[in-house]
Amino acid sequence: MNLSELKEKVIALGSEYPHLKDKIYEAYRWCVGEVVDGGGSESHEVQLCLSDIGDIIQEDQEGLPDPPEPSYE
Protein backbone atom coordinates (compact mmCIF):
# COMPACT_ATOMS: atom_id res chain seq x y z
CA MET A 1 0.00 0.00 0.00
CA ASN A 2 1.25 3.49 -0.81
CA LEU A 3 0.37 6.91 0.64
CA SER A 4 -2.47 7.48 -1.85
CA GLU A 5 -4.11 4.19 -0.93
CA LEU A 6 -3.52 4.88 2.75
CA LYS A 7 -5.23 8.26 2.40
CA GLU A 8 -8.34 6.58 0.99
CA LYS A 9 -8.34 4.05 3.83
CA VAL A 10 -7.87 6.78 6.43
CA ILE A 11 -10.82 8.75 5.03
CA ALA A 12 -13.00 5.62 5.12
CA LEU A 13 -11.96 4.78 8.68
CA GLY A 14 -12.54 8.37 9.76
CA SER A 15 -16.10 8.06 8.48
CA GLU A 16 -16.58 4.65 10.09
CA TYR A 17 -15.19 5.84 13.43
CA PRO A 18 -16.03 9.55 13.58
CA HIS A 19 -15.20 9.77 17.29
CA LEU A 20 -11.65 8.58 16.45
CA LYS A 21 -11.23 10.69 13.32
CA ASP A 22 -8.77 13.15 14.88
CA LYS A 23 -6.51 10.37 16.18
CA ILE A 24 -6.68 8.46 12.88
CA TYR A 25 -5.86 11.59 10.89
CA GLU A 26 -3.00 12.45 13.25
CA ALA A 27 -1.46 9.01 12.66
CA TYR A 28 -1.77 9.62 8.91
CA ARG A 29 -0.17 13.07 9.11
CA TRP A 30 2.69 11.60 11.13
CA CYS A 31 3.23 8.93 8.45
CA VAL A 32 3.27 11.46 5.64
CA GLY A 33 5.73 13.60 7.56
CA GLU A 34 8.04 10.66 8.12
CA VAL A 35 8.05 9.86 4.40
CA VAL A 36 8.29 13.43 3.08
CA ASP A 37 10.46 15.10 5.71
CA GLY A 38 12.17 12.19 7.40
CA GLY A 39 13.10 10.20 4.34
CA GLY A 40 11.48 7.04 5.68
CA SER A 41 10.54 4.17 3.42
CA GLU A 42 7.00 4.75 2.17
CA SER A 43 5.91 1.12 2.44
CA HIS A 44 7.41 0.74 5.92
CA GLU A 45 5.86 3.95 7.24
CA VAL A 46 2.47 3.00 5.75
CA GLN A 47 2.60 -0.37 7.53
CA LEU A 48 3.50 1.35 10.80
CA CYS A 49 0.61 3.79 10.31
CA LEU A 50 -1.87 0.98 9.64
CA SER A 51 -0.67 -0.76 12.78
CA ASP A 52 -1.04 2.44 14.83
CA ILE A 53 -4.55 3.02 13.49
CA GLY A 54 -5.46 -0.58 14.27
CA ASP A 55 -4.25 -0.04 17.83
CA ILE A 56 -6.31 3.16 18.14
CA ILE A 57 -9.46 1.34 17.05
CA GLN A 58 -8.76 -1.73 19.20
CA GLU A 59 -8.09 0.34 22.31
CA ASP A 60 -11.35 2.19 21.75
CA GLN A 61 -13.31 -1.03 21.32
CA GLU A 62 -11.74 -2.62 24.39
CA GLY A 63 -13.15 0.24 26.42
CA LEU A 64 -16.69 -0.70 25.45
CA PRO A 65 -18.67 -3.12 27.61
CA ASP A 66 -19.27 -6.56 26.17
CA PRO A 67 -22.68 -6.98 24.58
CA PRO A 68 -25.15 -9.01 26.64
CA GLU A 69 -25.35 -12.72 26.02
CA PRO A 70 -28.40 -13.71 23.96
CA SER A 71 -31.23 -15.29 25.86
CA TYR A 72 -32.66 -18.49 24.42
CA GLU A 73 -35.58 -18.79 26.83
C-alpha atoms as a PDB file:
ATOM      1  CA  MET A   1       0.000   0.000   0.000  1.00  0.00           C
ATOM      2  CA  ASN A   2       1.247   3.489  -0.813  1.00  0.00           C
ATOM      3  CA  LEU A   3       0.370   6.907   0.638  1.00  0.00           C
ATOM      4  CA  SER A   4      -2.472   7.482  -1.848  1.00  0.00           C
ATOM      5  CA  GLU A   5      -4.114   4.188  -0.930  1.00  0.00           C
ATOM      6  CA  LEU A   6      -3.520   4.877   2.755  1.00  0.00           C
ATOM      7  CA  LYS A   7      -5.228   8.260   2.404  1.00  0.00           C
ATOM      8  CA  GLU A   8      -8.344   6.579   0.987  1.00  0.00           C
ATOM      9  CA  LYS A   9      -8.344   4.046   3.825  1.00  0.00           C
ATOM     10  CA  VAL A  10      -7.872   6.784   6.430  1.00  0.00           C
ATOM     11  CA  ILE A  11     -10.822   8.749   5.035  1.00  0.00           C
ATOM     12  CA  ALA A  12     -13.003   5.622   5.115  1.00  0.00           C
ATOM     13  CA  LEU A  13     -11.959   4.783   8.676  1.00  0.00           C
ATOM     14  CA  GLY A  14     -12.542   8.369   9.762  1.00  0.00           C
ATOM     15  CA  SER A  15     -16.100   8.061   8.481  1.00  0.00           C
ATOM     16  CA  GLU A  16     -16.579   4.650  10.086  1.00  0.00           C
ATOM     17  CA  TYR A  17     -15.189   5.836  13.434  1.00  0.00           C
ATOM     18  CA  PRO A  18     -16.028   9.555  13.577  1.00  0.00           C
ATOM     19  CA  HIS A  19     -15.198   9.766  17.285  1.00  0.00           C
ATOM     20  CA  LEU A  20     -11.651   8.576  16.446  1.00  0.00           C
ATOM     21  CA  LYS A  21     -11.234  10.690  13.317  1.00  0.00           C
ATOM     22  CA  ASP A  22      -8.767  13.151  14.878  1.00  0.00           C
ATOM     23  CA  LYS A  23      -6.515  10.370  16.183  1.00  0.00           C
ATOM     24  CA  ILE A  24      -6.675   8.463  12.885  1.00  0.00           C
ATOM     25  CA  TYR A  25      -5.861  11.595  10.890  1.00  0.00           C
ATOM     26  CA  GLU A  26      -3.001  12.454  13.249  1.00  0.00           C
ATOM     27  CA  ALA A  27      -1.459   9.014  12.657  1.00  0.00           C
ATOM     28  CA  TYR A  28      -1.772   9.618   8.907  1.00  0.00           C
ATOM     29  CA  ARG A  29      -0.168  13.073   9.114  1.00  0.00           C
ATOM     30  CA  TRP A  30       2.691  11.603  11.126  1.00  0.00           C
ATOM     31  CA  CYS A  31       3.230   8.933   8.452  1.00  0.00           C
ATOM     32  CA  VAL A  32       3.265  11.462   5.635  1.00  0.00           C
ATOM     33  CA  GLY A  33       5.727  13.602   7.559  1.00  0.00           C
ATOM     34  CA  GLU A  34       8.037  10.660   8.120  1.00  0.00           C
ATOM     35  CA  VAL A  35       8.047   9.860   4.403  1.00  0.00           C
ATOM     36  CA  VAL A  36       8.286  13.432   3.084  1.00  0.00           C
ATOM     37  CA  ASP A  37      10.460  15.104   5.713  1.00  0.00           C
ATOM     38  CA  GLY A  38      12.171  12.187   7.404  1.00  0.00           C
ATOM     39  CA  GLY A  39      13.095  10.199   4.338  1.00  0.00           C
ATOM     40  CA  GLY A  40      11.479   7.040   5.682  1.00  0.00           C
ATOM     41  CA  SER A  41      10.536   4.167   3.425  1.00  0.00           C
ATOM     42  CA  GLU A  42       6.996   4.749   2.174  1.00  0.00           C
ATOM     43  CA  SER A  43       5.914   1.118   2.439  1.00  0.00           C
ATOM     44  CA  HIS A  44       7.411   0.744   5.916  1.00  0.00           C
ATOM     45  CA  GLU A  45       5.865   3.953   7.236  1.00  0.00           C
ATOM     46  CA  VAL A  46       2.469   3.001   5.749  1.00  0.00           C
ATOM     47  CA  GLN A  47       2.604  -0.366   7.530  1.00  0.00           C
ATOM     48  CA  LEU A  48       3.495   1.349  10.800  1.00  0.00           C
ATOM     49  CA  CYS A  49       0.613   3.785  10.305  1.00  0.00           C
ATOM     50  CA  LEU A  50      -1.869   0.977   9.644  1.00  0.00           C
ATOM     51  CA  SER A  51      -0.669  -0.760  12.785  1.00  0.00           C
ATOM     52  CA  ASP A  52      -1.043   2.445  14.828  1.00  0.00           C
ATOM     53  CA  ILE A  53      -4.553   3.023  13.489  1.00  0.00           C
ATOM     54  CA  GLY A  54      -5.462  -0.578  14.267  1.00  0.00           C
ATOM     55  CA  ASP A  55      -4.247  -0.041  17.833  1.00  0.00           C
ATOM     56  CA  ILE A  56      -6.308   3.160  18.144  1.00  0.00           C
ATOM     57  CA  ILE A  57      -9.463   1.336  17.049  1.00  0.00           C
ATOM     58  CA  GLN A  58      -8.759  -1.728  19.198  1.00  0.00           C
ATOM     59  CA  GLU A  59      -8.093   0.344  22.308  1.00  0.00           C
ATOM     60  CA  ASP A  60     -11.352   2.188  21.750  1.00  0.00           C
ATOM     61  CA  GLN A  61     -13.314  -1.028  21.321  1.00  0.00           C
ATOM     62  CA  GLU A  62     -11.742  -2.618  24.388  1.00  0.00           C
ATOM     63  CA  GLY A  63     -13.148   0.244  26.419  1.00  0.00           C
ATOM     64  CA  LEU A  64     -16.691  -0.699  25.450  1.00  0.00           C
ATOM     65  CA  PRO A  65     -18.665  -3.116  27.607  1.00  0.00           C
ATOM     66  CA  ASP A  66     -19.267  -6.558  26.172  1.00  0.00           C
ATOM     67  CA  PRO A  67     -22.675  -6.982  24.576  1.00  0.00           C
ATOM     68  CA  PRO A  68     -25.148  -9.005  26.642  1.00  0.00           C
ATOM     69  CA  GLU A  69     -25.351 -12.724  26.020  1.00  0.00           C
ATOM     70  CA  PRO A  70     -28.398 -13.711  23.960  1.00  0.00           C
ATOM     71  CA  SER A  71     -31.226 -15.287  25.857  1.00  0.00           C
ATOM     72  CA  TYR A  72     -32.663 -18.487  24.422  1.00  0.00           C
ATOM     73  CA  GLU A  73     -35.577 -18.793  26.832  1.00  0.00           C
END
